[in-house]
Amino acid sequence: MIDQVSPPTAPKCLGLPLREALARGDAVAGTAVPILRHLIGAGDLSIFSEETVARIRGMLADVARQLLDALVGDEGHRVHSPGEVEVVGHALLDNTALVTHLHALTLEWQLTERLQGRLGLDPVASPLLQRALVSTQPLARSEAAAFLSTQVRWCHAQRGMGLPLAELPAELLDIALYTLRTLAGFEPALAERAGVVEDELRRSHDEASTRIGLATKLLATLSQEGGHQGLSISDAGVPLFLTAVATASNQSRDSVLRYTHRSQAVRLALAFRAAGLDDREVRAQVAAFDPSCALPDGLAQIDAVEAAAILSAPPQPRPYAL
C-alpha cells in the first residue's frame, strides 16, 4: 500500500514559473518534520499552529499509553503517570517516519473539518460511500459498511487527539513495538513481557482491516464499474478521495496529504494530473481545497506520466535566488 512504482525520469524542460513554485514548496517541506519534532519536544508553538503541534503530541501520548497498557496487561484500567507516558512518547518522537505519518493524519483531520464547514462535506458518509452502501454488489455493500465503521471510530479518536494502535501501518507498528521493547529492556522484569506483547500485537495486526486498507479495497471494488472512482473530493469525501489519488498517482497517501498544504499546491495539482485528471478537472479539484490558489502556467502541457515522474524526482534547488 505504501510501496511506490518508479516512473520515468522527470522532464528537464519545465517552465521557470513551475520550477520556482516546486522549489519554494520543496524548501518548506524539507524543514517541516525536523521543526515539528523540535516543537513537540520543546513545547514551542511559534511556527506551526498550536493545534497541529497539540494534535501530534496528543497522538504520540495516546500511542504511548496503549503500548504501556499492553505491557502491563491491564487493558487500560491502570492510569499511567505522566512521566511514564512522556518517556515512551519522547522515544517515539525520535522516529521521523512516525512523526511524518502523524503530521499527515493531522492535516487530514484539519482538511476534513475545513471542507465540512466550507463545502458541507460529511466527515463520514460521502455521496460515494452512500451509493456504495446501497450498491447492487454485495461485496461493495459489505466493504462500504466496514469502512464506514472504521471512519466513525477514526473521527471519534481524532476529536480526542487520539489514534488507535491498530490503525498504524505495519512498518510504523514495527517502530512502536521496537521502541517499547528497547525501553522495556532496561527493566529485566519487563523485558520478557515486552517480547510476548510484541508477538501478540504483530499477530493480531491486519493492515487490510485498517481504515486505509478498507478504503483501498472499497475503491478497488468500485473501480470495476469503470470511471475515475473517488477522484472528486465533493463526491468521494476526504478519506476516499485521498486514497484514490494516492493509488492512481503512485504516491504514498501521506505524501498526497502533505501536498494539501498551501505551500504544496503545485505538487497537489501534479498528483491530480498523475492520477489521470485533465487540466480542467485538476483546477476544479485544487479550487475545492483552496479557491484563492493561482496555479502557475505549464501544468496543462504535462501529461500523467510526466507528472508522476516530477513527483518522484528528488527535490530540486531553486533555479536562482528570488
C-alpha atoms as a PDB file:
ATOM      1  CA  MET A   1       0.000   0.000   0.000  1.00  0.00           C
ATOM      2  CA  ILE A   2       2.954   2.328   0.658  1.00  0.00           C
ATOM      3  CA  ASP A   3       5.396   0.992  -1.931  1.00  0.00           C
ATOM      4  CA  GLN A   4       5.690   3.174  -4.997  1.00  0.00           C
ATOM      5  CA  VAL A   5       6.275   2.340  -8.645  1.00  0.00           C
ATOM      6  CA  SER A   6       9.229   4.287 -10.033  1.00  0.00           C
ATOM      7  CA  PRO A   7       8.121   6.246 -13.097  1.00  0.00           C
ATOM      8  CA  PRO A   8      10.434   7.549 -15.857  1.00  0.00           C
ATOM      9  CA  THR A   9      12.907  10.346 -15.168  1.00  0.00           C
ATOM     10  CA  ALA A  10      11.274  13.741 -14.705  1.00  0.00           C
ATOM     11  CA  PRO A  11      11.304  16.022 -17.745  1.00  0.00           C
ATOM     12  CA  LYS A  12      14.038  18.686 -17.675  1.00  0.00           C
ATOM     13  CA  CYS A  13      12.192  21.338 -19.664  1.00  0.00           C
ATOM     14  CA  LEU A  14       9.768  22.580 -17.020  1.00  0.00           C
ATOM     15  CA  GLY A  15       8.864  26.229 -17.361  1.00  0.00           C
ATOM     16  CA  LEU A  16      10.590  28.613 -14.965  1.00  0.00           C
ATOM     17  CA  PRO A  17       7.426  29.599 -13.019  1.00  0.00           C
ATOM     18  CA  LEU A  18       6.615  25.930 -12.431  1.00  0.00           C
ATOM     19  CA  ARG A  19      10.177  25.125 -11.353  1.00  0.00           C
ATOM     20  CA  GLU A  20      10.204  28.071  -8.958  1.00  0.00           C
ATOM     21  CA  ALA A  21       6.868  27.048  -7.443  1.00  0.00           C
ATOM     22  CA  LEU A  22       8.127  23.489  -6.918  1.00  0.00           C
ATOM     23  CA  ALA A  23      11.380  24.749  -5.376  1.00  0.00           C
ATOM     24  CA  ARG A  24       9.519  27.005  -2.942  1.00  0.00           C
ATOM     25  CA  GLY A  25       7.289  24.124  -1.882  1.00  0.00           C
ATOM     26  CA  ASP A  26      10.269  21.774  -1.512  1.00  0.00           C
ATOM     27  CA  ALA A  27      12.055  24.306   0.699  1.00  0.00           C
ATOM     28  CA  VAL A  28       9.066  24.368   3.057  1.00  0.00           C
ATOM     29  CA  ALA A  29       8.576  20.584   3.011  1.00  0.00           C
ATOM     30  CA  GLY A  30      12.249  19.896   3.696  1.00  0.00           C
ATOM     31  CA  THR A  31      12.168  21.701   7.033  1.00  0.00           C
ATOM     32  CA  ALA A  32       8.688  20.722   8.222  1.00  0.00           C
ATOM     33  CA  VAL A  33       9.334  17.469  10.104  1.00  0.00           C
ATOM     34  CA  PRO A  34      12.608  18.498  11.840  1.00  0.00           C
ATOM     35  CA  ILE A  35      10.881  21.654  13.062  1.00  0.00           C
ATOM     36  CA  LEU A  36       7.841  19.676  14.218  1.00  0.00           C
ATOM     37  CA  ARG A  37       9.991  17.247  16.192  1.00  0.00           C
ATOM     38  CA  HIS A  38      11.720  20.172  17.910  1.00  0.00           C
ATOM     39  CA  LEU A  39       8.459  21.959  18.708  1.00  0.00           C
ATOM     40  CA  ILE A  40       6.748  18.855  20.054  1.00  0.00           C
ATOM     41  CA  GLY A  41       9.715  18.044  22.259  1.00  0.00           C
ATOM     42  CA  ALA A  42      10.313  21.600  23.447  1.00  0.00           C
ATOM     43  CA  GLY A  43       6.717  22.810  23.710  1.00  0.00           C
ATOM     44  CA  ASP A  44       7.432  25.752  21.371  1.00  0.00           C
ATOM     45  CA  LEU A  45       4.367  26.687  19.305  1.00  0.00           C
ATOM     46  CA  SER A  46       5.836  29.658  17.445  1.00  0.00           C
ATOM     47  CA  ILE A  47       5.980  28.276  13.881  1.00  0.00           C
ATOM     48  CA  PHE A  48       3.356  25.594  13.346  1.00  0.00           C
ATOM     49  CA  SER A  49      -0.153  26.199  14.583  1.00  0.00           C
ATOM     50  CA  GLU A  50      -0.842  25.364  18.192  1.00  0.00           C
ATOM     51  CA  GLU A  51      -3.465  22.853  17.084  1.00  0.00           C
ATOM     52  CA  THR A  52      -1.047  20.997  14.780  1.00  0.00           C
ATOM     53  CA  VAL A  53       1.575  20.552  17.476  1.00  0.00           C
ATOM     54  CA  ALA A  54      -1.035  19.664  20.110  1.00  0.00           C
ATOM     55  CA  ARG A  55      -2.631  17.038  17.862  1.00  0.00           C
ATOM     56  CA  ILE A  56       0.652  15.295  17.078  1.00  0.00           C
ATOM     57  CA  ARG A  57       1.657  15.408  20.732  1.00  0.00           C
ATOM     58  CA  GLY A  58      -1.756  14.002  21.692  1.00  0.00           C
ATOM     59  CA  MET A  59      -1.492  11.101  19.233  1.00  0.00           C
ATOM     60  CA  LEU A  60       2.036  10.287  20.413  1.00  0.00           C
ATOM     61  CA  ALA A  61       0.805  10.214  24.011  1.00  0.00           C
ATOM     62  CA  ASP A  62      -2.180   8.038  23.047  1.00  0.00           C
ATOM     63  CA  VAL A  63       0.044   5.507  21.252  1.00  0.00           C
ATOM     64  CA  ALA A  64       2.405   5.557  24.249  1.00  0.00           C
ATOM     65  CA  ARG A  65      -0.467   4.843  26.667  1.00  0.00           C
ATOM     66  CA  GLN A  66      -1.696   1.947  24.531  1.00  0.00           C
ATOM     67  CA  LEU A  67       1.792   0.445  24.471  1.00  0.00           C
ATOM     68  CA  LEU A  68       2.031   0.764  28.242  1.00  0.00           C
ATOM     69  CA  ASP A  69      -1.439  -0.783  28.626  1.00  0.00           C
ATOM     70  CA  ALA A  70      -0.330  -3.769  26.572  1.00  0.00           C
ATOM     71  CA  LEU A  71       2.898  -4.057  28.521  1.00  0.00           C
ATOM     72  CA  VAL A  72       1.269  -4.206  31.948  1.00  0.00           C
ATOM     73  CA  GLY A  73      -1.654  -6.273  30.668  1.00  0.00           C
ATOM     74  CA  ASP A  74      -4.408  -4.274  32.328  1.00  0.00           C
ATOM     75  CA  GLU A  75      -6.263  -3.304  29.135  1.00  0.00           C
ATOM     76  CA  GLY A  76      -6.184   0.376  30.058  1.00  0.00           C
ATOM     77  CA  HIS A  77      -7.615   0.116  33.583  1.00  0.00           C
ATOM     78  CA  ARG A  78      -4.450   1.491  35.141  1.00  0.00           C
ATOM     79  CA  VAL A  79      -3.803   5.223  34.879  1.00  0.00           C
ATOM     80  CA  HIS A  80      -0.192   5.668  33.797  1.00  0.00           C
ATOM     81  CA  SER A  81       1.788   8.505  35.290  1.00  0.00           C
ATOM     82  CA  PRO A  82       2.584  11.497  33.060  1.00  0.00           C
ATOM     83  CA  GLY A  83       6.245  10.594  33.431  1.00  0.00           C
ATOM     84  CA  GLU A  84       5.747   7.091  32.056  1.00  0.00           C
ATOM     85  CA  VAL A  85       3.766   8.354  29.084  1.00  0.00           C
ATOM     86  CA  GLU A  86       6.299  11.107  28.445  1.00  0.00           C
ATOM     87  CA  VAL A  87       9.245   8.696  28.379  1.00  0.00           C
ATOM     88  CA  VAL A  88       7.588   6.458  25.785  1.00  0.00           C
ATOM     89  CA  GLY A  89       6.246   9.429  23.829  1.00  0.00           C
ATOM     90  CA  HIS A  90       9.666  11.051  23.573  1.00  0.00           C
ATOM     91  CA  ALA A  91      11.183   7.770  22.427  1.00  0.00           C
ATOM     92  CA  LEU A  92       8.531   7.529  19.694  1.00  0.00           C
ATOM     93  CA  LEU A  93       9.221  11.146  18.730  1.00  0.00           C
ATOM     94  CA  ASP A  94      12.749  10.180  17.708  1.00  0.00           C
ATOM     95  CA  ASN A  95      11.403   8.406  14.618  1.00  0.00           C
ATOM     96  CA  THR A  96      10.896  10.709  11.651  1.00  0.00           C
ATOM     97  CA  ALA A  97       8.660   8.271   9.745  1.00  0.00           C
ATOM     98  CA  LEU A  98       6.193   8.077  12.637  1.00  0.00           C
ATOM     99  CA  VAL A  99       6.096  11.854  13.155  1.00  0.00           C
ATOM    100  CA  THR A 100       5.606  12.343   9.409  1.00  0.00           C
ATOM    101  CA  HIS A 101       2.630   9.970   9.457  1.00  0.00           C
ATOM    102  CA  LEU A 102       1.053  11.689  12.454  1.00  0.00           C
ATOM    103  CA  HIS A 103       1.518  15.044  10.758  1.00  0.00           C
ATOM    104  CA  ALA A 104      -0.270  13.661   7.677  1.00  0.00           C
ATOM    105  CA  LEU A 105      -3.175  12.471   9.823  1.00  0.00           C
ATOM    106  CA  THR A 106      -3.340  15.906  11.441  1.00  0.00           C
ATOM    107  CA  LEU A 107      -3.545  17.502   8.001  1.00  0.00           C
ATOM    108  CA  GLU A 108      -6.304  15.059   7.062  1.00  0.00           C
ATOM    109  CA  TRP A 109      -8.410  15.926  10.106  1.00  0.00           C
ATOM    110  CA  GLN A 110      -7.898  19.659   9.620  1.00  0.00           C
ATOM    111  CA  LEU A 111      -8.863  19.264   5.958  1.00  0.00           C
ATOM    112  CA  THR A 112     -11.922  17.230   6.969  1.00  0.00           C
ATOM    113  CA  GLU A 113     -13.117  19.954   9.331  1.00  0.00           C
ATOM    114  CA  ARG A 114     -12.349  22.747   6.881  1.00  0.00           C
ATOM    115  CA  LEU A 115     -14.213  21.152   3.976  1.00  0.00           C
ATOM    116  CA  GLN A 116     -17.135  20.214   6.187  1.00  0.00           C
ATOM    117  CA  GLY A 117     -17.509  23.879   7.042  1.00  0.00           C
ATOM    118  CA  ARG A 118     -16.897  25.267   3.552  1.00  0.00           C
ATOM    119  CA  LEU A 119     -18.408  22.614   1.259  1.00  0.00           C
ATOM    120  CA  GLY A 120     -20.712  20.792   3.660  1.00  0.00           C
ATOM    121  CA  LEU A 121     -18.769  17.535   3.206  1.00  0.00           C
ATOM    122  CA  ASP A 122     -19.853  14.902   5.711  1.00  0.00           C
ATOM    123  CA  PRO A 123     -16.749  13.604   7.580  1.00  0.00           C
ATOM    124  CA  VAL A 124     -18.110  10.055   7.451  1.00  0.00           C
ATOM    125  CA  ALA A 125     -20.770   9.378   4.797  1.00  0.00           C
ATOM    126  CA  SER A 126     -19.834  10.995   1.481  1.00  0.00           C
ATOM    127  CA  PRO A 127     -22.143  10.657  -1.558  1.00  0.00           C
ATOM    128  CA  LEU A 128     -19.857   7.959  -2.993  1.00  0.00           C
ATOM    129  CA  LEU A 129     -19.968   5.969   0.231  1.00  0.00           C
ATOM    130  CA  GLN A 130     -23.729   6.339   0.483  1.00  0.00           C
ATOM    131  CA  ARG A 131     -24.115   4.893  -3.019  1.00  0.00           C
ATOM    132  CA  ALA A 132     -21.784   2.045  -2.162  1.00  0.00           C
ATOM    133  CA  LEU A 133     -23.841   1.193   0.916  1.00  0.00           C
ATOM    134  CA  VAL A 134     -26.861   0.506  -1.302  1.00  0.00           C
ATOM    135  CA  SER A 135     -24.918  -0.956  -4.228  1.00  0.00           C
ATOM    136  CA  THR A 136     -26.264  -3.955  -6.114  1.00  0.00           C
ATOM    137  CA  GLN A 137     -22.858  -5.578  -5.445  1.00  0.00           C
ATOM    138  CA  PRO A 138     -22.875  -7.430  -2.092  1.00  0.00           C
ATOM    139  CA  LEU A 139     -19.090  -7.063  -1.826  1.00  0.00           C
ATOM    140  CA  ALA A 140     -19.270  -3.304  -2.294  1.00  0.00           C
ATOM    141  CA  ARG A 141     -22.007  -3.022   0.352  1.00  0.00           C
ATOM    142  CA  SER A 142     -20.002  -5.101   2.809  1.00  0.00           C
ATOM    143  CA  GLU A 143     -16.777  -3.180   2.248  1.00  0.00           C
ATOM    144  CA  ALA A 144     -18.587   0.151   2.449  1.00  0.00           C
ATOM    145  CA  ALA A 145     -20.139  -0.788   5.788  1.00  0.00           C
ATOM    146  CA  ALA A 146     -16.761  -1.903   7.150  1.00  0.00           C
ATOM    147  CA  PHE A 147     -15.090   1.314   6.031  1.00  0.00           C
ATOM    148  CA  LEU A 148     -17.933   3.402   7.466  1.00  0.00           C
ATOM    149  CA  SER A 149     -17.379   1.834  10.895  1.00  0.00           C
ATOM    150  CA  THR A 150     -13.653   2.478  10.880  1.00  0.00           C
ATOM    151  CA  GLN A 151     -14.135   6.062   9.679  1.00  0.00           C
ATOM    152  CA  VAL A 152     -16.590   6.725  12.520  1.00  0.00           C
ATOM    153  CA  ARG A 153     -14.060   5.383  15.033  1.00  0.00           C
ATOM    154  CA  TRP A 154     -11.233   7.403  13.472  1.00  0.00           C
ATOM    155  CA  CYS A 155     -13.246  10.628  13.624  1.00  0.00           C
ATOM    156  CA  HIS A 156     -14.092   9.967  17.265  1.00  0.00           C
ATOM    157  CA  ALA A 157     -10.424   9.331  18.066  1.00  0.00           C
ATOM    158  CA  GLN A 158      -9.313  12.462  16.210  1.00  0.00           C
ATOM    159  CA  ARG A 159     -11.746  14.625  18.128  1.00  0.00           C
ATOM    160  CA  GLY A 160      -9.919  13.431  21.234  1.00  0.00           C
ATOM    161  CA  MET A 161      -6.494  13.793  19.567  1.00  0.00           C
ATOM    162  CA  GLY A 162      -6.000  10.035  19.728  1.00  0.00           C
ATOM    163  CA  LEU A 163      -5.025   7.237  17.365  1.00  0.00           C
ATOM    164  CA  PRO A 164      -5.838   3.522  17.793  1.00  0.00           C
ATOM    165  CA  LEU A 165      -2.629   1.484  17.759  1.00  0.00           C
ATOM    166  CA  ALA A 166      -4.239  -0.945  15.315  1.00  0.00           C
ATOM    167  CA  GLU A 167      -4.576   1.857  12.743  1.00  0.00           C
ATOM    168  CA  LEU A 168      -0.835   2.261  12.335  1.00  0.00           C
ATOM    169  CA  PRO A 169       0.639   0.977   9.053  1.00  0.00           C
ATOM    170  CA  ALA A 170       2.607  -2.238   9.595  1.00  0.00           C
ATOM    171  CA  GLU A 171       6.048  -0.632   9.331  1.00  0.00           C
ATOM    172  CA  LEU A 172       5.103   2.058  11.857  1.00  0.00           C
ATOM    173  CA  LEU A 173       3.657  -0.508  14.237  1.00  0.00           C
ATOM    174  CA  ASP A 174       7.059  -2.221  13.998  1.00  0.00           C
ATOM    175  CA  ILE A 175       8.698   1.064  15.033  1.00  0.00           C
ATOM    176  CA  ALA A 176       6.344   1.448  18.003  1.00  0.00           C
ATOM    177  CA  LEU A 177       6.950  -2.125  19.146  1.00  0.00           C
ATOM    178  CA  TYR A 178      10.713  -1.794  18.731  1.00  0.00           C
ATOM    179  CA  THR A 179      10.577   1.344  20.872  1.00  0.00           C
ATOM    180  CA  LEU A 180       8.619  -0.489  23.562  1.00  0.00           C
ATOM    181  CA  ARG A 181      11.000  -3.459  23.522  1.00  0.00           C
ATOM    182  CA  THR A 182      14.030  -1.167  23.767  1.00  0.00           C
ATOM    183  CA  LEU A 183      12.640   0.746  26.741  1.00  0.00           C
ATOM    184  CA  ALA A 184      11.459  -2.410  28.499  1.00  0.00           C
ATOM    185  CA  GLY A 185      14.930  -3.889  28.097  1.00  0.00           C
ATOM    186  CA  PHE A 186      16.178  -1.570  30.851  1.00  0.00           C
ATOM    187  CA  GLU A 187      13.877  -3.418  33.290  1.00  0.00           C
ATOM    188  CA  PRO A 188      14.627  -7.169  33.324  1.00  0.00           C
ATOM    189  CA  ALA A 189      11.210  -7.908  34.786  1.00  0.00           C
ATOM    190  CA  LEU A 190       9.509  -6.283  31.809  1.00  0.00           C
ATOM    191  CA  ALA A 191      11.811  -7.486  29.023  1.00  0.00           C
ATOM    192  CA  GLU A 192      10.193 -10.911  28.690  1.00  0.00           C
ATOM    193  CA  ARG A 193       6.702  -9.421  28.840  1.00  0.00           C
ATOM    194  CA  ALA A 194       7.622  -6.930  26.094  1.00  0.00           C
ATOM    195  CA  GLY A 195       8.569  -9.819  23.809  1.00  0.00           C
ATOM    196  CA  VAL A 196       5.203 -11.509  24.424  1.00  0.00           C
ATOM    197  CA  VAL A 197       3.319  -8.267  23.786  1.00  0.00           C
ATOM    198  CA  GLU A 198       5.226  -7.686  20.557  1.00  0.00           C
ATOM    199  CA  ASP A 199       4.360 -11.156  19.258  1.00  0.00           C
ATOM    200  CA  GLU A 200       0.683 -10.748  20.195  1.00  0.00           C
ATOM    201  CA  LEU A 201       0.303  -7.352  18.568  1.00  0.00           C
ATOM    202  CA  ARG A 202       2.079  -8.431  15.390  1.00  0.00           C
ATOM    203  CA  ARG A 203      -0.162 -11.495  15.052  1.00  0.00           C
ATOM    204  CA  SER A 204      -3.361  -9.547  15.638  1.00  0.00           C
ATOM    205  CA  HIS A 205      -2.494  -6.624  13.349  1.00  0.00           C
ATOM    206  CA  ASP A 206      -4.163  -6.724   9.934  1.00  0.00           C
ATOM    207  CA  GLU A 207      -3.304  -3.772   7.718  1.00  0.00           C
ATOM    208  CA  ALA A 208      -6.039  -4.721   5.265  1.00  0.00           C
ATOM    209  CA  SER A 209      -8.589  -4.152   8.031  1.00  0.00           C
ATOM    210  CA  THR A 210      -7.358  -0.685   8.929  1.00  0.00           C
ATOM    211  CA  ARG A 211      -9.275   2.379   7.792  1.00  0.00           C
ATOM    212  CA  ILE A 212      -6.949   2.963   4.838  1.00  0.00           C
ATOM    213  CA  GLY A 213      -6.807  -0.717   3.974  1.00  0.00           C
ATOM    214  CA  LEU A 214     -10.598  -0.866   3.837  1.00  0.00           C
ATOM    215  CA  ALA A 215     -10.749   2.350   1.794  1.00  0.00           C
ATOM    216  CA  THR A 216      -8.318   0.853  -0.714  1.00  0.00           C
ATOM    217  CA  LYS A 217     -10.323  -2.355  -1.023  1.00  0.00           C
ATOM    218  CA  LEU A 218     -13.608  -0.485  -1.435  1.00  0.00           C
ATOM    219  CA  LEU A 219     -12.217   1.753  -4.177  1.00  0.00           C
ATOM    220  CA  ALA A 220     -10.780  -1.266  -5.990  1.00  0.00           C
ATOM    221  CA  THR A 221     -14.194  -2.944  -5.910  1.00  0.00           C
ATOM    222  CA  LEU A 222     -15.979   0.197  -7.099  1.00  0.00           C
ATOM    223  CA  SER A 223     -13.436   0.717  -9.880  1.00  0.00           C
ATOM    224  CA  GLN A 224     -14.684  -2.460 -11.523  1.00  0.00           C
ATOM    225  CA  GLU A 225     -17.678  -0.368 -12.556  1.00  0.00           C
ATOM    226  CA  GLY A 226     -15.290   1.879 -14.546  1.00  0.00           C
ATOM    227  CA  GLY A 227     -14.537   5.595 -14.448  1.00  0.00           C
ATOM    228  CA  HIS A 228     -12.443   7.682 -12.052  1.00  0.00           C
ATOM    229  CA  GLN A 229     -13.934   6.324  -8.836  1.00  0.00           C
ATOM    230  CA  GLY A 230     -13.050   8.538  -5.894  1.00  0.00           C
ATOM    231  CA  LEU A 231     -11.298  11.323  -7.837  1.00  0.00           C
ATOM    232  CA  SER A 232     -13.760  14.067  -6.908  1.00  0.00           C
ATOM    233  CA  ILE A 233     -13.421  15.495  -3.421  1.00  0.00           C
ATOM    234  CA  SER A 234     -17.056  16.645  -3.269  1.00  0.00           C
ATOM    235  CA  ASP A 235     -18.305  13.168  -4.230  1.00  0.00           C
ATOM    236  CA  ALA A 236     -15.824  10.865  -2.502  1.00  0.00           C
ATOM    237  CA  GLY A 237     -15.196  12.814   0.682  1.00  0.00           C
ATOM    238  CA  VAL A 238     -11.755  13.370   2.173  1.00  0.00           C
ATOM    239  CA  PRO A 239     -10.547   9.857   3.137  1.00  0.00           C
ATOM    240  CA  LEU A 240     -11.674   8.054  -0.025  1.00  0.00           C
ATOM    241  CA  PHE A 241     -10.524  10.911  -2.264  1.00  0.00           C
ATOM    242  CA  LEU A 242      -7.036  10.987  -0.768  1.00  0.00           C
ATOM    243  CA  THR A 243      -6.746   7.214  -1.037  1.00  0.00           C
ATOM    244  CA  ALA A 244      -7.935   7.253  -4.653  1.00  0.00           C
ATOM    245  CA  VAL A 245      -5.458   9.965  -5.654  1.00  0.00           C
ATOM    246  CA  ALA A 246      -2.568   8.192  -3.917  1.00  0.00           C
ATOM    247  CA  THR A 247      -3.372   4.893  -5.631  1.00  0.00           C
ATOM    248  CA  ALA A 248      -3.906   6.392  -9.089  1.00  0.00           C
ATOM    249  CA  SER A 249      -0.792   8.605  -8.939  1.00  0.00           C
ATOM    250  CA  ASN A 250       1.575   6.002  -7.421  1.00  0.00           C
ATOM    251  CA  GLN A 251       2.229   8.271  -4.453  1.00  0.00           C
ATOM    252  CA  SER A 252       2.049   7.376  -0.788  1.00  0.00           C
ATOM    253  CA  ARG A 253      -1.118   8.601   0.872  1.00  0.00           C
ATOM    254  CA  ASP A 254       0.915  10.563   3.416  1.00  0.00           C
ATOM    255  CA  SER A 255       2.666  12.356   0.554  1.00  0.00           C
ATOM    256  CA  VAL A 256      -0.656  13.333  -1.008  1.00  0.00           C
ATOM    257  CA  LEU A 257      -1.788  14.670   2.364  1.00  0.00           C
ATOM    258  CA  ARG A 258       1.324  16.819   2.622  1.00  0.00           C
ATOM    259  CA  TYR A 259       0.550  18.188  -0.839  1.00  0.00           C
ATOM    260  CA  THR A 260      -2.731  19.578   0.530  1.00  0.00           C
ATOM    261  CA  HIS A 261      -0.789  22.231   2.436  1.00  0.00           C
ATOM    262  CA  ARG A 262      -0.995  25.639   0.728  1.00  0.00           C
ATOM    263  CA  SER A 263       2.746  25.673   0.065  1.00  0.00           C
ATOM    264  CA  GLN A 264       2.441  22.413  -1.919  1.00  0.00           C
ATOM    265  CA  ALA A 265      -0.388  23.392  -4.306  1.00  0.00           C
ATOM    266  CA  VAL A 266       1.703  22.629  -7.405  1.00  0.00           C
ATOM    267  CA  ARG A 267       2.503  19.134  -6.193  1.00  0.00           C
ATOM    268  CA  LEU A 268      -1.166  18.597  -5.373  1.00  0.00           C
ATOM    269  CA  ALA A 269      -2.051  19.596  -8.931  1.00  0.00           C
ATOM    270  CA  LEU A 270       0.646  17.265 -10.297  1.00  0.00           C
ATOM    271  CA  ALA A 271      -0.746  14.410  -8.195  1.00  0.00           C
ATOM    272  CA  PHE A 272      -4.180  15.002  -9.704  1.00  0.00           C
ATOM    273  CA  ARG A 273      -2.580  15.081 -13.161  1.00  0.00           C
ATOM    274  CA  ALA A 274      -0.680  11.848 -12.445  1.00  0.00           C
ATOM    275  CA  ALA A 275      -3.952  10.289 -11.305  1.00  0.00           C
ATOM    276  CA  GLY A 276      -5.402  10.908 -14.775  1.00  0.00           C
ATOM    277  CA  LEU A 277      -7.410  14.113 -14.342  1.00  0.00           C
ATOM    278  CA  ASP A 278      -7.357  16.594 -17.213  1.00  0.00           C
ATOM    279  CA  ASP A 279      -6.394  20.251 -16.771  1.00  0.00           C
ATOM    280  CA  ARG A 280      -9.971  21.422 -16.174  1.00  0.00           C
ATOM    281  CA  GLU A 281     -10.558  18.714 -13.553  1.00  0.00           C
ATOM    282  CA  VAL A 282      -7.205  19.437 -11.890  1.00  0.00           C
ATOM    283  CA  ARG A 283      -8.028  23.116 -11.470  1.00  0.00           C
ATOM    284  CA  ALA A 284     -11.516  22.327 -10.194  1.00  0.00           C
ATOM    285  CA  GLN A 285     -10.173  19.954  -7.535  1.00  0.00           C
ATOM    286  CA  VAL A 286      -7.409  22.350  -6.446  1.00  0.00           C
ATOM    287  CA  ALA A 287     -10.017  25.126  -6.174  1.00  0.00           C
ATOM    288  CA  ALA A 288     -12.110  22.910  -3.892  1.00  0.00           C
ATOM    289  CA  PHE A 289      -9.159  22.830  -1.494  1.00  0.00           C
ATOM    290  CA  ASP A 290      -8.227  26.486  -1.876  1.00  0.00           C
ATOM    291  CA  PRO A 291     -10.375  28.793  -4.043  1.00  0.00           C
ATOM    292  CA  SER A 292      -7.718  31.520  -3.934  1.00  0.00           C
ATOM    293  CA  CYS A 293      -4.924  29.289  -5.261  1.00  0.00           C
ATOM    294  CA  ALA A 294      -3.375  30.506  -8.545  1.00  0.00           C
ATOM    295  CA  LEU A 295      -1.501  27.684 -10.270  1.00  0.00           C
ATOM    296  CA  PRO A 296       1.494  28.577 -12.485  1.00  0.00           C
ATOM    297  CA  ASP A 297       1.346  28.193 -16.249  1.00  0.00           C
ATOM    298  CA  GLY A 298       2.572  24.990 -17.829  1.00  0.00           C
ATOM    299  CA  LEU A 299       0.613  22.347 -15.943  1.00  0.00           C
ATOM    300  CA  ALA A 300      -1.708  21.681 -18.880  1.00  0.00           C
ATOM    301  CA  GLN A 301       1.275  20.626 -21.015  1.00  0.00           C
ATOM    302  CA  ILE A 302       2.378  17.939 -18.534  1.00  0.00           C
ATOM    303  CA  ASP A 303       0.823  14.522 -19.074  1.00  0.00           C
ATOM    304  CA  ALA A 304       0.151  11.865 -16.409  1.00  0.00           C
ATOM    305  CA  VAL A 305       3.473  10.046 -16.885  1.00  0.00           C
ATOM    306  CA  GLU A 306       5.489  13.261 -16.706  1.00  0.00           C
ATOM    307  CA  ALA A 307       3.572  14.409 -13.631  1.00  0.00           C
ATOM    308  CA  ALA A 308       4.332  11.141 -11.844  1.00  0.00           C
ATOM    309  CA  ALA A 309       7.993  11.493 -12.789  1.00  0.00           C
ATOM    310  CA  ILE A 310       8.205  15.032 -11.396  1.00  0.00           C
ATOM    311  CA  LEU A 311       6.627  13.949  -8.122  1.00  0.00           C
ATOM    312  CA  SER A 312       9.065  11.054  -7.721  1.00  0.00           C
ATOM    313  CA  ALA A 313      12.174  13.065  -8.640  1.00  0.00           C
ATOM    314  CA  PRO A 314      14.386  14.348  -5.775  1.00  0.00           C
ATOM    315  CA  PRO A 315      13.607  17.911  -4.638  1.00  0.00           C
ATOM    316  CA  GLN A 316      15.444  20.452  -6.746  1.00  0.00           C
ATOM    317  CA  PRO A 317      17.078  23.714  -5.572  1.00  0.00           C
ATOM    318  CA  ARG A 318      15.677  26.963  -6.856  1.00  0.00           C
ATOM    319  CA  PRO A 319      16.938  27.897 -10.320  1.00  0.00           C
ATOM    320  CA  TYR A 320      18.091  31.221  -8.868  1.00  0.00           C
ATOM    321  CA  ALA A 321      17.621  33.257  -5.722  1.00  0.00           C
ATOM    322  CA  LEU A 322      14.316  35.122  -5.619  1.00  0.00           C
END
